[in-house]
Amino acid sequence: MKTKLFVLAAAAVLALSACKNETPEAQQQAAEAAAAADQAGEATIDAAQQGAEAAAAATGEAVGEVAANVDQAADATVEAANEAAAAAANATADAAQATADAAQDVADKADAAADDAQN
């Protein structure tokens, strides 16, 4: 890119210096310098367009990768939430069973005490 700009600048200097001399040779050099400047300008524009296209393509790929990573993270979060919900449900069921067992124990003891009181 710097080389192209240097060529463009050199062509512009040649074109300006040729403008001072009206000989056919000077006019030829000025025309060649102008053509070189045009080519350098076109090459610079082409390079900028290619760079922009490459950047856009890279950005598109990066967006796709980010989206895939977000999807994976969301899936992992859902899976973790499901596991946590299952663990909480199991813990709640275990606690309910323990409470029921304790209540049955108390009921059995109450029955035994009632039987003792009747006898």
PDB file of N, CA and C in Angstrom:
ATOM      1  N   MET A   1       0.836  -1.180   0.000  1.00  0.00           N
ATOM      2  CA  MET A   1       0.000   0.000   0.000  1.00  0.00           C
ATOM      3  C   MET A   1       0.885   1.250   0.000  1.00  0.00           C
ATOM      4  N   LYS A   2       1.939   1.255   0.830  1.00  0.00           N
ATOM      5  CA  LYS A   2       2.839   2.407   0.871  1.00  0.00           C
ATOM      6  C   LYS A   2       3.566   2.569  -0.457  1.00  0.00           C
ATOM      7  N   THR A   3       3.916   1.425  -1.067  1.00  0.00           N
ATOM      8  CA  THR A   3       4.608   1.465  -2.354  1.00  0.00           C
ATOM      9  C   THR A   3       3.714   2.104  -3.410  1.00  0.00           C
ATOM     10  N   LYS A   4       2.455   1.756  -3.386  1.00  0.00           N
ATOM     11  CA  LYS A   4       1.525   2.312  -4.370  1.00  0.00           C
ATOM     12  C   LYS A   4       1.372   3.814  -4.176  1.00  0.00           C
ATOM     13  N   LEU A   5       1.328   4.225  -2.933  1.00  0.00           N
ATOM     14  CA  LEU A   5       1.221   5.663  -2.669  1.00  0.00           C
ATOM     15  C   LEU A   5       2.492   6.387  -3.114  1.00  0.00           C
ATOM     16  N   PHE A   6       3.651   5.746  -2.931  1.00  0.00           N
ATOM     17  CA  PHE A   6       4.911   6.335  -3.363  1.00  0.00           C
ATOM     18  C   PHE A   6       4.929   6.480  -4.879  1.00  0.00           C
ATOM     19  N   VAL A   7       4.454   5.440  -5.583  1.00  0.00           N
ATOM     20  CA  VAL A   7       4.405   5.491  -7.052  1.00  0.00           C
ATOM     21  C   VAL A   7       3.467   6.605  -7.479  1.00  0.00           C
ATOM     22  N   LEU A   8       2.350   6.727  -6.801  1.00  0.00           N
ATOM     23  CA  LEU A   8       1.390   7.777  -7.114  1.00  0.00           C
ATOM     24  C   LEU A   8       2.013   9.153  -6.917  1.00  0.00           C
ATOM     25  N   ALA A   9       2.730   9.330  -5.807  1.00  0.00           N
ATOM     26  CA  ALA A   9       3.379  10.610  -5.540  1.00  0.00           C
ATOM     27  C   ALA A   9       4.458  10.900  -6.590  1.00  0.00           C
ATOM     28  N   ALA A  10       5.247   9.887  -6.942  1.00  0.00           N
ATOM     29  CA  ALA A  10       6.297  10.075  -7.941  1.00  0.00           C
ATOM     30  C   ALA A  10       5.686  10.438  -9.294  1.00  0.00           C
ATOM     31  N   ALA A  11       4.596   9.789  -9.640  1.00  0.00           N
ATOM     32  CA  ALA A  11       3.931  10.095 -10.905  1.00  0.00           C
ATOM     33  C   ALA A  11       3.405  11.521 -10.905  1.00  0.00           C
ATOM     34  N   ALA A  12       2.894  11.952  -9.763  1.00  0.00           N
ATOM     35  CA  ALA A  12       2.385  13.321  -9.670  1.00  0.00           C
ATOM     36  C   ALA A  12       3.521  14.326  -9.826  1.00  0.00           C
ATOM     37  N   VAL A  13       4.683  14.040  -9.225  1.00  0.00           N
ATOM     38  CA  VAL A  13       5.844  14.941  -9.349  1.00  0.00           C
ATOM     39  C   VAL A  13       6.297  14.999 -10.796  1.00  0.00           C
ATOM     40  N   LEU A  14       6.357  13.839 -11.441  1.00  0.00           N
ATOM     41  CA  LEU A  14       6.759  13.826 -12.854  1.00  0.00           C
ATOM     42  C   LEU A  14       5.763  14.602 -13.710  1.00  0.00           C
ATOM     43  N   ALA A  15       4.495  14.445 -13.399  1.00  0.00           N
ATOM     44  CA  ALA A  15       3.474  15.149 -14.176  1.00  0.00           C
ATOM     45  C   ALA A  15       3.599  16.658 -13.987  1.00  0.00           C
ATOM     46  N   LEU A  16       3.861  17.085 -12.770  1.00  0.00           N
ATOM     47  CA  LEU A  16       4.005  18.518 -12.513  1.00  0.00           C
ATOM     48  C   LEU A  16       5.258  19.085 -13.172  1.00  0.00           C
ATOM     49  N   SER A  17       6.355  18.328 -13.096  1.00  0.00           N
ATOM     50  CA  SER A  17       7.588  18.822 -13.714  1.00  0.00           C
ATOM     51  C   SER A  17       7.452  18.855 -15.236  1.00  0.00           C
ATOM     52  N   ALA A  18       6.703  17.931 -15.778  1.00  0.00           N
ATOM     53  CA  ALA A  18       6.514  17.891 -17.226  1.00  0.00           C
ATOM     54  C   ALA A  18       5.625  19.032 -17.702  1.00  0.00           C
ATOM     55  N   CYS A  19       4.767  19.512 -16.819  1.00  0.00           N
ATOM     56  CA  CYS A  19       3.869  20.605 -17.205  1.00  0.00           C
ATOM     57  C   CYS A  19       4.646  21.887 -17.522  1.00  0.00           C
ATOM     58  N   LYS A  20       5.824  22.055 -16.949  1.00  0.00           N
ATOM     59  CA  LYS A  20       6.622  23.263 -17.165  1.00  0.00           C
ATOM     60  C   LYS A  20       7.310  23.249 -18.524  1.00  0.00           C
ATOM     61  N   ASN A  21       7.459  22.075 -19.085  1.00  0.00           N
ATOM     62  CA  ASN A  21       8.168  21.936 -20.354  1.00  0.00           C
ATOM     63  C   ASN A  21       7.147  21.543 -21.415  1.00  0.00           C
ATOM     64  N   GLU A  22       7.024  22.295 -22.455  1.00  0.00           N
ATOM     65  CA  GLU A  22       5.997  22.082 -23.477  1.00  0.00           C
ATOM     66  C   GLU A  22       6.497  21.248 -24.659  1.00  0.00           C
ATOM     67  N   THR A  23       7.663  20.630 -24.564  1.00  0.00           N
ATOM     68  CA  THR A  23       8.179  19.830 -25.677  1.00  0.00           C
ATOM     69  C   THR A  23       7.351  18.561 -25.818  1.00  0.00           C
ATOM     70  N   PRO A  24       7.372  17.951 -27.004  1.00  0.00           N
ATOM     71  CA  PRO A  24       6.624  16.698 -27.186  1.00  0.00           C
ATOM     72  C   PRO A  24       7.090  15.603 -26.225  1.00  0.00           C
ATOM     73  N   GLU A  25       8.377  15.568 -25.956  1.00  0.00           N
ATOM     74  CA  GLU A  25       8.894  14.564 -25.017  1.00  0.00           C
ATOM     75  C   GLU A  25       8.322  14.808 -23.628  1.00  0.00           C
ATOM     76  N   ALA A  26       8.252  16.063 -23.205  1.00  0.00           N
ATOM     77  CA  ALA A  26       7.701  16.401 -21.900  1.00  0.00           C
ATOM     78  C   ALA A  26       6.216  16.040 -21.839  1.00  0.00           C
ATOM     79  N   GLN A  27       5.519  16.299 -22.938  1.00  0.00           N
ATOM     80  CA  GLN A  27       4.104  15.953 -22.981  1.00  0.00           C
ATOM     81  C   GLN A  27       3.902  14.435 -22.901  1.00  0.00           C
ATOM     82  N   GLN A  28       4.785  13.691 -23.573  1.00  0.00           N
ATOM     83  CA  GLN A  28       4.739  12.221 -23.521  1.00  0.00           C
ATOM     84  C   GLN A  28       4.961  11.741 -22.087  1.00  0.00           C
ATOM     85  N   GLN A  29       5.981  12.307 -21.418  1.00  0.00           N
ATOM     86  CA  GLN A  29       6.272  11.919 -20.042  1.00  0.00           C
ATOM     87  C   GLN A  29       5.106  12.283 -19.126  1.00  0.00           C
ATOM     88  N   ALA A  30       4.494  13.428 -19.373  1.00  0.00           N
ATOM     89  CA  ALA A  30       3.353  13.835 -18.560  1.00  0.00           C
ATOM     90  C   ALA A  30       2.200  12.870 -18.750  1.00  0.00           C
ATOM     91  N   ALA A  31       1.974  12.435 -19.989  1.00  0.00           N
ATOM     92  CA  ALA A  31       0.904  11.480 -20.257  1.00  0.00           C
ATOM     93  C   ALA A  31       1.182  10.145 -19.579  1.00  0.00           C
ATOM     94  N   GLU A  32       2.444   9.700 -19.648  1.00  0.00           N
ATOM     95  CA  GLU A  32       2.822   8.445 -19.002  1.00  0.00           C
ATOM     96  C   GLU A  32       2.676   8.558 -17.482  1.00  0.00           C
ATOM     97  N   ALA A  33       3.082   9.699 -16.944  1.00  0.00           N
ATOM     98  CA  ALA A  33       2.958   9.907 -15.501  1.00  0.00           C
ATOM     99  C   ALA A  33       1.495   9.916 -15.087  1.00  0.00           C
ATOM    100  N   ALA A  34       0.663  10.553 -15.890  1.00  0.00           N
ATOM    101  CA  ALA A  34      -0.767  10.585 -15.579  1.00  0.00           C
ATOM    102  C   ALA A  34      -1.360   9.177 -15.635  1.00  0.00           C
ATOM    103  N   ALA A  35      -0.948   8.401 -16.648  1.00  0.00           N
ATOM    104  CA  ALA A  35      -1.431   7.020 -16.755  1.00  0.00           C
ATOM    105  C   ALA A  35      -0.971   6.194 -15.559  1.00  0.00           C
ATOM    106  N   ALA A  36       0.297   6.378 -15.173  1.00  0.00           N
ATOM    107  CA  ALA A  36       0.819   5.651 -14.010  1.00  0.00           C
ATOM    108  C   ALA A  36       0.064   6.048 -12.749  1.00  0.00           C
ATOM    109  N   ALA A  37      -0.254   7.338 -12.634  1.00  0.00           N
ATOM    110  CA  ALA A  37      -1.006   7.809 -11.468  1.00  0.00           C
ATOM    111  C   ALA A  37      -2.400   7.186 -11.446  1.00  0.00           C
ATOM    112  N   ASP A  38      -3.031   7.118 -12.627  1.00  0.00           N
ATOM    113  CA  ASP A  38      -4.351   6.492 -12.710  1.00  0.00           C
ATOM    114  C   ASP A  38      -4.288   5.017 -12.314  1.00  0.00           C
ATOM    115  N   GLN A  39      -3.272   4.311 -12.821  1.00  0.00           N
ATOM    116  CA  GLN A  39      -3.126   2.891 -12.489  1.00  0.00           C
ATOM    117  C   GLN A  39      -2.875   2.707 -10.996  1.00  0.00           C
ATOM    118  N   ALA A  40      -2.032   3.568 -10.436  1.00  0.00           N
ATOM    119  CA  ALA A  40      -1.749   3.470  -9.002  1.00  0.00           C
ATOM    120  C   ALA A  40      -3.010   3.737  -8.193  1.00  0.00           C
ATOM    121  N   GLY A  41      -3.791   4.725  -8.635  1.00  0.00           N
ATOM    122  CA  GLY A  41      -5.050   5.016  -7.937  1.00  0.00           C
ATOM    123  C   GLY A  41      -6.014   3.851  -8.008  1.00  0.00           C
ATOM    124  N   GLU A  42      -6.135   3.249  -9.196  1.00  0.00           N
ATOM    125  CA  GLU A  42      -7.019   2.093  -9.358  1.00  0.00           C
ATOM    126  C   GLU A  42      -6.543   0.917  -8.514  1.00  0.00           C
ATOM    127  N   ALA A  43      -5.228   0.702  -8.483  1.00  0.00           N
ATOM    128  CA  ALA A  43      -4.679  -0.399  -7.680  1.00  0.00           C
ATOM    129  C   ALA A  43      -4.951  -0.158  -6.202  1.00  0.00           C
ATOM    130  N   THR A  44      -4.833   1.092  -5.776  1.00  0.00           N
ATOM    131  CA  THR A  44      -5.099   1.420  -4.378  1.00  0.00           C
ATOM    132  C   THR A  44      -6.566   1.175  -4.042  1.00  0.00           C
ATOM    133  N   ILE A  45      -7.463   1.586  -4.943  1.00  0.00           N
ATOM    134  CA  ILE A  45      -8.896   1.357  -4.722  1.00  0.00           C
ATOM    135  C   ILE A  45      -9.196  -0.134  -4.681  1.00  0.00           C
ATOM    136  N   ASP A  46      -8.592  -0.904  -5.621  1.00  0.00           N
ATOM    137  CA  ASP A  46      -8.798  -2.356  -5.635  1.00  0.00           C
ATOM    138  C   ASP A  46      -8.307  -2.987  -4.338  1.00  0.00           C
ATOM    139  N   ALA A  47      -7.136  -2.554  -3.876  1.00  0.00           N
ATOM    140  CA  ALA A  47      -6.588  -3.107  -2.640  1.00  0.00           C
ATOM    141  C   ALA A  47      -7.495  -2.773  -1.454  1.00  0.00           C
ATOM    142  N   ALA A  48      -8.011  -1.560  -1.420  1.00  0.00           N
ATOM    143  CA  ALA A  48      -8.907  -1.162  -0.329  1.00  0.00           C
ATOM    144  C   ALA A  48     -10.191  -1.984  -0.370  1.00  0.00           C
ATOM    145  N   GLN A  49     -10.722  -2.210  -1.582  1.00  0.00           N
ATOM    146  CA  GLN A  49     -11.939  -3.020  -1.703  1.00  0.00           C
ATOM    147  C   GLN A  49     -11.688  -4.455  -1.262  1.00  0.00           C
ATOM    148  N   GLN A  50     -10.552  -5.004  -1.680  1.00  0.00           N
ATOM    149  CA  GLN A  50     -10.229  -6.374  -1.286  1.00  0.00           C
ATOM    150  C   GLN A  50     -10.043  -6.469   0.223  1.00  0.00           C
ATOM    151  N   GLY A  51      -9.397  -5.458   0.790  1.00  0.00           N
ATOM    152  CA  GLY A  51      -9.231  -5.435   2.249  1.00  0.00           C
ATOM    153  C   GLY A  51     -10.561  -5.357   2.957  1.00  0.00           C
ATOM    154  N   ALA A  52     -11.470  -4.536   2.451  1.00  0.00           N
ATOM    155  CA  ALA A  52     -12.801  -4.414   3.055  1.00  0.00           C
ATOM    156  C   ALA A  52     -13.572  -5.722   2.934  1.00  0.00           C
ATOM    157  N   GLU A  53     -13.456  -6.365   1.760  1.00  0.00           N
ATOM    158  CA  GLU A  53     -14.150  -7.645   1.571  1.00  0.00           C
ATOM    159  C   GLU A  53     -13.580  -8.707   2.505  1.00  0.00           C
ATOM    160  N   ALA A  54     -12.258  -8.721   2.646  1.00  0.00           N
ATOM    161  CA  ALA A  54     -11.637  -9.696   3.544  1.00  0.00           C
ATOM    162  C   ALA A  54     -12.059  -9.428   4.985  1.00  0.00           C
ATOM    163  N   ALA A  55     -12.102  -8.155   5.369  1.00  0.00           N
ATOM    164  CA  ALA A  55     -12.525  -7.811   6.726  1.00  0.00           C
ATOM    165  C   ALA A  55     -13.973  -8.208   6.954  1.00  0.00           C
ATOM    166  N   ALA A  56     -14.818  -7.977   5.943  1.00  0.00           N
ATOM    167  CA  ALA A  56     -16.227  -8.362   6.073  1.00  0.00           C
ATOM    168  C   ALA A  56     -16.366  -9.871   6.208  1.00  0.00           C
ATOM    169  N   ALA A  57     -15.589 -10.610   5.410  1.00  0.00           N
ATOM    170  CA  ALA A  57     -15.646 -12.073   5.486  1.00  0.00           C
ATOM    171  C   ALA A  57     -15.171 -12.550   6.854  1.00  0.00           C
ATOM    172  N   ALA A  58     -14.084 -11.962   7.347  1.00  0.00           N
ATOM    173  CA  ALA A  58     -13.569 -12.343   8.662  1.00  0.00           C
ATOM    174  C   ALA A  58     -14.573 -12.001   9.749  1.00  0.00           C
ATOM    175  N   THR A  59     -15.229 -10.849   9.600  1.00  0.00           N
ATOM    176  CA  THR A  59     -16.231 -10.457  10.584  1.00  0.00           C
ATOM    177  C   THR A  59     -17.401 -11.438  10.551  1.00  0.00           C
ATOM    178  N   GLY A  60     -17.808 -11.817   9.351  1.00  0.00           N
ATOM    179  CA  GLY A  60     -18.893 -12.790   9.228  1.00  0.00           C
ATOM    180  C   GLY A  60     -18.548 -14.107   9.890  1.00  0.00           C
ATOM    181  N   GLU A  61     -17.318 -14.573   9.686  1.00  0.00           N
ATOM    182  CA  GLU A  61     -16.885 -15.817  10.317  1.00  0.00           C
ATOM    183  C   GLU A  61     -16.856 -15.659  11.827  1.00  0.00           C
ATOM    184  N   ALA A  62     -16.370 -14.529  12.306  1.00  0.00           N
ATOM    185  CA  ALA A  62     -16.308 -14.291  13.748  1.00  0.00           C
ATOM    186  C   ALA A  62     -17.707 -14.259  14.345  1.00  0.00           C
ATOM    187  N   VAL A  63     -18.640 -13.627  13.639  1.00  0.00           N
ATOM    188  CA  VAL A  63     -20.025 -13.585  14.130  1.00  0.00           C
ATOM    189  C   VAL A  63     -20.588 -14.996  14.209  1.00  0.00           C
ATOM    190  N   GLY A  64     -20.305 -15.803  13.187  1.00  0.00           N
ATOM    191  CA  GLY A  64     -20.766 -17.196  13.204  1.00  0.00           C
ATOM    192  C   GLY A  64     -20.180 -17.969  14.369  1.00  0.00           C
ATOM    193  N   GLU A  65     -18.893 -17.771  14.649  1.00  0.00           N
ATOM    194  CA  GLU A  65     -18.248 -18.456  15.760  1.00  0.00           C
ATOM    195  C   GLU A  65     -18.831 -17.998  17.091  1.00  0.00           C
ATOM    196  N   VAL A  66     -19.070 -16.691  17.222  1.00  0.00           N
ATOM    197  CA  VAL A  66     -19.657 -16.171  18.458  1.00  0.00           C
ATOM    198  C   VAL A  66     -21.056 -16.756  18.652  1.00  0.00           C
ATOM    199  N   ALA A  67     -21.830 -16.810  17.568  1.00  0.00           N
ATOM    200  CA  ALA A  67     -23.180 -17.369  17.665  1.00  0.00           C
ATOM    201  C   ALA A  67     -23.122 -18.836  18.087  1.00  0.00           C
ATOM    202  N   ALA A  68     -22.180 -19.585  17.528  1.00  0.00           N
ATOM    203  CA  ALA A  68     -22.042 -20.998  17.904  1.00  0.00           C
ATOM    204  C   ALA A  68     -21.656 -21.120  19.370  1.00  0.00           C
ATOM    205  N   ASN A  69     -20.738 -20.259  19.822  1.00  0.00           N
ATOM    206  CA  ASN A  69     -20.328 -20.290  21.229  1.00  0.00           C
ATOM    207  C   ASN A  69     -21.488 -19.926  22.150  1.00  0.00           C
ATOM    208  N   VAL A  70     -22.280 -18.946  21.736  1.00  0.00           N
ATOM    209  CA  VAL A  70     -23.448 -18.558  22.539  1.00  0.00           C
ATOM    210  C   VAL A  70     -24.434 -19.717  22.610  1.00  0.00           C
ATOM    211  N   ASP A  71     -24.650 -20.396  21.469  1.00  0.00           N
ATOM    212  CA  ASP A  71     -25.547 -21.553  21.463  1.00  0.00           C
ATOM    213  C   ASP A  71     -25.038 -22.642  22.404  1.00  0.00           C
ATOM    214  N   GLN A  72     -23.738 -22.911  22.360  1.00  0.00           N
ATOM    215  CA  GLN A  72     -23.172 -23.934  23.239  1.00  0.00           C
ATOM    216  C   GLN A  72     -23.322 -23.537  24.700  1.00  0.00           C
ATOM    217  N   ALA A  73     -23.076 -22.264  24.999  1.00  0.00           N
ATOM    218  CA  ALA A  73     -23.211 -21.792  26.378  1.00  0.00           C
ATOM    219  C   ALA A  73     -24.661 -21.886  26.833  1.00  0.00           C
ATOM    220  N   ALA A  74     -25.583 -21.539  25.940  1.00  0.00           N
ATOM    221  CA  ALA A  74     -27.011 -21.629  26.283  1.00  0.00           C
ATOM    222  C   ALA A  74     -27.401 -23.073  26.536  1.00  0.00           C
ATOM    223  N   ASP A  75     -26.921 -23.989  25.688  1.00  0.00           N
ATOM    224  CA  ASP A  75     -27.218 -25.408  25.880  1.00  0.00           C
ATOM    225  C   ASP A  75     -26.665 -25.900  27.222  1.00  0.00           C
ATOM    226  N   ALA A  76     -25.435 -25.497  27.529  1.00  0.00           N
ATOM    227  CA  ALA A  76     -24.824 -25.901  28.799  1.00  0.00           C
ATOM    228  C   ALA A  76     -25.605 -25.326  29.973  1.00  0.00           C
ATOM    229  N   THR A  77     -26.082 -24.093  29.829  1.00  0.00           N
ATOM    230  CA  THR A  77     -26.859 -23.469  30.907  1.00  0.00           C
ATOM    231  C   THR A  77     -28.177 -24.197  31.108  1.00  0.00           C
ATOM    232  N   VAL A  78     -28.845 -24.534  30.009  1.00  0.00           N
ATOM    233  CA  VAL A  78     -30.105 -25.262  30.103  1.00  0.00           C
ATOM    234  C   VAL A  78     -29.875 -26.626  30.751  1.00  0.00           C
ATOM    235  N   GLU A  79     -28.817 -27.295  30.328  1.00  0.00           N
ATOM    236  CA  GLU A  79     -28.511 -28.607  30.896  1.00  0.00           C
ATOM    237  C   GLU A  79     -28.225 -28.501  32.393  1.00  0.00           C
ATOM    238  N   ALA A  80     -27.451 -27.492  32.776  1.00  0.00           N
ATOM    239  CA  ALA A  80     -27.144 -27.298  34.193  1.00  0.00           C
ATOM    240  C   ALA A  80     -28.413 -26.967  34.978  1.00  0.00           C
ATOM    241  N   ALA A  81     -29.280 -26.148  34.391  1.00  0.00           N
ATOM    242  CA  ALA A  81     -30.534 -25.810  35.074  1.00  0.00           C
ATOM    243  C   ALA A  81     -31.411 -27.046  35.237  1.00  0.00           C
ATOM    244  N   ASN A  82     -31.461 -27.880  34.202  1.00  0.00           N
ATOM    245  CA  ASN A  82     -32.249 -29.118  34.305  1.00  0.00           C
ATOM    246  C   ASN A  82     -31.687 -30.046  35.379  1.00  0.00           C
ATOM    247  N   GLU A  83     -30.364 -30.160  35.427  1.00  0.00           N
ATOM    248  CA  GLU A  83     -29.733 -30.997  36.451  1.00  0.00           C
ATOM    249  C   GLU A  83     -29.992 -30.442  37.841  1.00  0.00           C
ATOM    250  N   ALA A  84     -29.917 -29.117  37.974  1.00  0.00           N
ATOM    251  CA  ALA A  84     -30.172 -28.497  39.276  1.00  0.00           C
ATOM    252  C   ALA A  84     -31.626 -28.705  39.688  1.00  0.00           C
ATOM    253  N   ALA A  85     -32.550 -28.582  38.729  1.00  0.00           N
ATOM    254  CA  ALA A  85     -33.966 -28.798  39.035  1.00  0.00           C
ATOM    255  C   ALA A  85     -34.211 -30.245  39.448  1.00  0.00           C
ATOM    256  N   ALA A  86     -33.578 -31.179  38.750  1.00  0.00           N
ATOM    257  CA  ALA A  86     -33.730 -32.595  39.096  1.00  0.00           C
ATOM    258  C   ALA A  86     -33.155 -32.871  40.482  1.00  0.00           C
ATOM    259  N   ALA A  87     -31.990 -32.288  40.759  1.00  0.00           N
ATOM    260  CA  ALA A  87     -31.377 -32.483  42.078  1.00  0.00           C
ATOM    261  C   ALA A  87     -32.258 -31.878  43.164  1.00  0.00           C
ATOM    262  N   ALA A  88     -32.836 -30.702  42.899  1.00  0.00           N
ATOM    263  CA  ALA A  88     -33.718 -30.070  43.884  1.00  0.00           C
ATOM    264  C   ALA A  88     -34.973 -30.909  44.085  1.00  0.00           C
ATOM    265  N   ALA A  89     -35.512 -31.446  43.002  1.00  0.00           N
ATOM    266  CA  ALA A  89     -36.698 -32.291  43.123  1.00  0.00           C
ATOM    267  C   ALA A  89     -36.384 -33.545  43.924  1.00  0.00           C
ATOM    268  N   ASN A  90     -35.216 -34.150  43.687  1.00  0.00           N
ATOM    269  CA  ASN A  90     -34.814 -35.335  44.446  1.00  0.00           C
ATOM    270  C   ASN A  90     -34.613 -34.998  45.916  1.00  0.00           C
ATOM    271  N   ALA A  91     -33.986 -33.849  46.155  1.00  0.00           N
ATOM    272  CA  ALA A  91     -33.766 -33.437  47.546  1.00  0.00           C
ATOM    273  C   ALA A  91     -35.094 -33.172  48.236  1.00  0.00           C
ATOM    274  N   THR A  92     -36.027 -32.561  47.529  1.00  0.00           N
ATOM    275  CA  THR A  92     -37.358 -32.292  48.102  1.00  0.00           C
ATOM    276  C   THR A  92     -38.081 -33.608  48.382  1.00  0.00           C
ATOM    277  N   ALA A  93     -37.985 -34.538  47.448  1.00  0.00           N
ATOM    278  CA  ALA A  93     -38.628 -35.848  47.649  1.00  0.00           C
ATOM    279  C   ALA A  93     -37.999 -36.574  48.828  1.00  0.00           C
ATOM    280  N   ASP A  94     -36.678 -36.512  48.942  1.00  0.00           N
ATOM    281  CA  ASP A  94     -35.994 -37.155  50.075  1.00  0.00           C
ATOM    282  C   ASP A  94     -36.419 -36.522  51.394  1.00  0.00           C
ATOM    283  N   ALA A  95     -36.497 -35.186  51.381  1.00  0.00           N
ATOM    284  CA  ALA A  95     -36.913 -34.490  52.603  1.00  0.00           C
ATOM    285  C   ALA A  95     -38.356 -34.837  52.958  1.00  0.00           C
ATOM    286  N   ALA A  96     -39.225 -34.913  51.963  1.00  0.00           N
ATOM    287  CA  ALA A  96     -40.622 -35.274  52.210  1.00  0.00           C
ATOM    288  C   ALA A  96     -40.716 -36.692  52.756  1.00  0.00           C
ATOM    289  N   GLN A  97     -39.919 -37.596  52.200  1.00  0.00           N
ATOM    290  CA  GLN A  97     -39.918 -38.980  52.691  1.00  0.00           C
ATOM    291  C   GLN A  97     -39.417 -39.046  54.128  1.00  0.00           C
ATOM    292  N   ALA A  98     -38.364 -38.293  54.428  1.00  0.00           N
ATOM    293  CA  ALA A  98     -37.845 -38.272  55.798  1.00  0.00           C
ATOM    294  C   ALA A  98     -38.884 -37.708  56.749  1.00  0.00           C
ATOM    295  N   THR A  99     -39.592 -36.672  56.306  1.00  0.00           N
ATOM    296  CA  THR A  99     -40.650 -36.088  57.146  1.00  0.00           C
ATOM    297  C   THR A  99     -41.776 -37.094  57.349  1.00  0.00           C
ATOM    298  N   ALA A 100     -42.143 -37.794  56.298  1.00  0.00           N
ATOM    299  CA  ALA A 100     -43.197 -38.811  56.408  1.00  0.00           C
ATOM    300  C   ALA A 100     -42.762 -39.931  57.340  1.00  0.00           C
ATOM    301  N   ASP A 101     -41.494 -40.349  57.223  1.00  0.00           N
ATOM    302  CA  ASP A 101     -40.966 -41.406  58.110  1.00  0.00           C
ATOM    303  C   ASP A 101     -40.998 -40.946  59.566  1.00  0.00           C
ATOM    304  N   ALA A 102     -40.584 -39.701  59.781  1.00  0.00           N
ATOM    305  CA  ALA A 102     -40.595 -39.171  61.148  1.00  0.00           C
ATOM    306  C   ALA A 102     -42.027 -39.082  61.671  1.00  0.00           C
ATOM    307  N   ALA A 103     -42.956 -38.651  60.829  1.00  0.00           N
ATOM    308  CA  ALA A 103     -44.364 -38.563  61.246  1.00  0.00           C
ATOM    309  C   ALA A 103     -44.913 -39.959  61.566  1.00  0.00           C
ATOM    310  N   GLN A 104     -44.523 -40.947  60.761  1.00  0.00           N
ATOM    311  CA  GLN A 104     -44.968 -42.321  61.020  1.00  0.00           C
ATOM    312  C   GLN A 104     -44.410 -42.811  62.341  1.00  0.00           C
ATOM    313  N   ASP A 105     -43.156 -42.485  62.612  1.00  0.00           N
ATOM    314  CA  ASP A 105     -42.534 -42.854  63.897  1.00  0.00           C
ATOM    315  C   ASP A 105     -43.315 -42.254  65.059  1.00  0.00           C
ATOM    316  N   VAL A 106     -43.644 -40.960  64.920  1.00  0.00           N
ATOM    317  CA  VAL A 106     -44.392 -40.281  65.984  1.00  0.00           C
ATOM    318  C   VAL A 106     -45.770 -40.919  66.132  1.00  0.00           C
ATOM    319  N   ALA A 107     -46.396 -41.245  65.003  1.00  0.00           N
ATOM    320  CA  ALA A 107     -47.716 -41.885  65.048  1.00  0.00           C
ATOM    321  C   ALA A 107     -47.630 -43.251  65.709  1.00  0.00           C
ATOM    322  N   ASP A 108     -46.585 -44.012  65.395  1.00  0.00           N
ATOM    323  CA  ASP A 108     -46.406 -45.331  66.007  1.00  0.00           C
ATOM    324  C   ASP A 108     -46.207 -45.203  67.519  1.00  0.00           C
ATOM    325  N   LYS A 109     -45.415 -44.232  67.917  1.00  0.00           N
ATOM    326  CA  LYS A 109     -45.164 -44.016  69.343  1.00  0.00           C
ATOM    327  C   LYS A 109     -46.455 -43.555  70.041  1.00  0.00           C
ATOM    328  N   ALA A 110     -47.229 -42.744  69.341  1.00  0.00           N
ATOM    329  CA  ALA A 110     -48.486 -42.277  69.919  1.00  0.00           C
ATOM    330  C   ALA A 110     -49.451 -43.448  70.078  1.00  0.00           C
ATOM    331  N   ASP A 111     -49.476 -44.338  69.081  1.00  0.00           N
ATOM    332  CA  ASP A 111     -50.326 -45.519  69.179  1.00  0.00           C
ATOM    333  C   ASP A 111     -49.884 -46.402  70.346  1.00  0.00           C
ATOM    334  N   ALA A 112     -48.585 -46.571  70.462  1.00  0.00           N
ATOM    335  CA  ALA A 112     -48.049 -47.396  71.549  1.00  0.00           C
ATOM    336  C   ALA A 112     -48.378 -46.774  72.896  1.00  0.00           C
ATOM    337  N   ALA A 113     -48.264 -45.473  72.976  1.00  0.00           N
ATOM    338  CA  ALA A 113     -48.586 -44.782  74.240  1.00  0.00           C
ATOM    339  C   ALA A 113     -50.066 -44.894  74.538  1.00  0.00           C
ATOM    340  N   ALA A 114     -50.882 -44.794  73.502  1.00  0.00           N
ATOM    341  CA  ALA A 114     -52.345 -44.940  73.720  1.00  0.00           C
ATOM    342  C   ALA A 114     -52.685 -46.349  74.183  1.00  0.00           C
ATOM    343  N   ASP A 115     -52.027 -47.324  73.565  1.00  0.00           N
ATOM    344  CA  ASP A 115     -52.266 -48.722  73.984  1.00  0.00           C
ATOM    345  C   ASP A 115     -51.849 -48.913  75.446  1.00  0.00           C
ATOM    346  N   ASP A 116     -50.717 -48.371  75.828  1.00  0.00           N
ATOM    347  CA  ASP A 116     -50.242 -48.474  77.211  1.00  0.00           C
ATOM    348  C   ASP A 116     -51.223 -47.777  78.154  1.00  0.00           C
ATOM    349  N   ALA A 117     -51.750 -46.659  77.709  1.00  0.00           N
ATOM    350  CA  ALA A 117     -52.667 -45.911  78.569  1.00  0.00           C
ATOM    351  C   ALA A 117     -53.973 -46.669  78.743  1.00  0.00           C
ATOM    352  N   GLN A 118     -54.401 -47.414  77.764  1.00  0.00           N
ATOM    353  CA  GLN A 118     -55.637 -48.170  77.852  1.00  0.00           C
ATOM    354  C   GLN A 118     -55.454 -49.409  78.724  1.00  0.00           C
ATOM    355  N   ASN A 119     -54.311 -49.934  78.770  1.00  0.00           N
ATOM    356  CA  ASN A 119     -54.084 -51.160  79.536  1.00  0.00           C
ATOM    357  C   ASN A 119     -53.741 -50.787  80.903  1.00  0.00           C
TER     358      ASN A 119
END
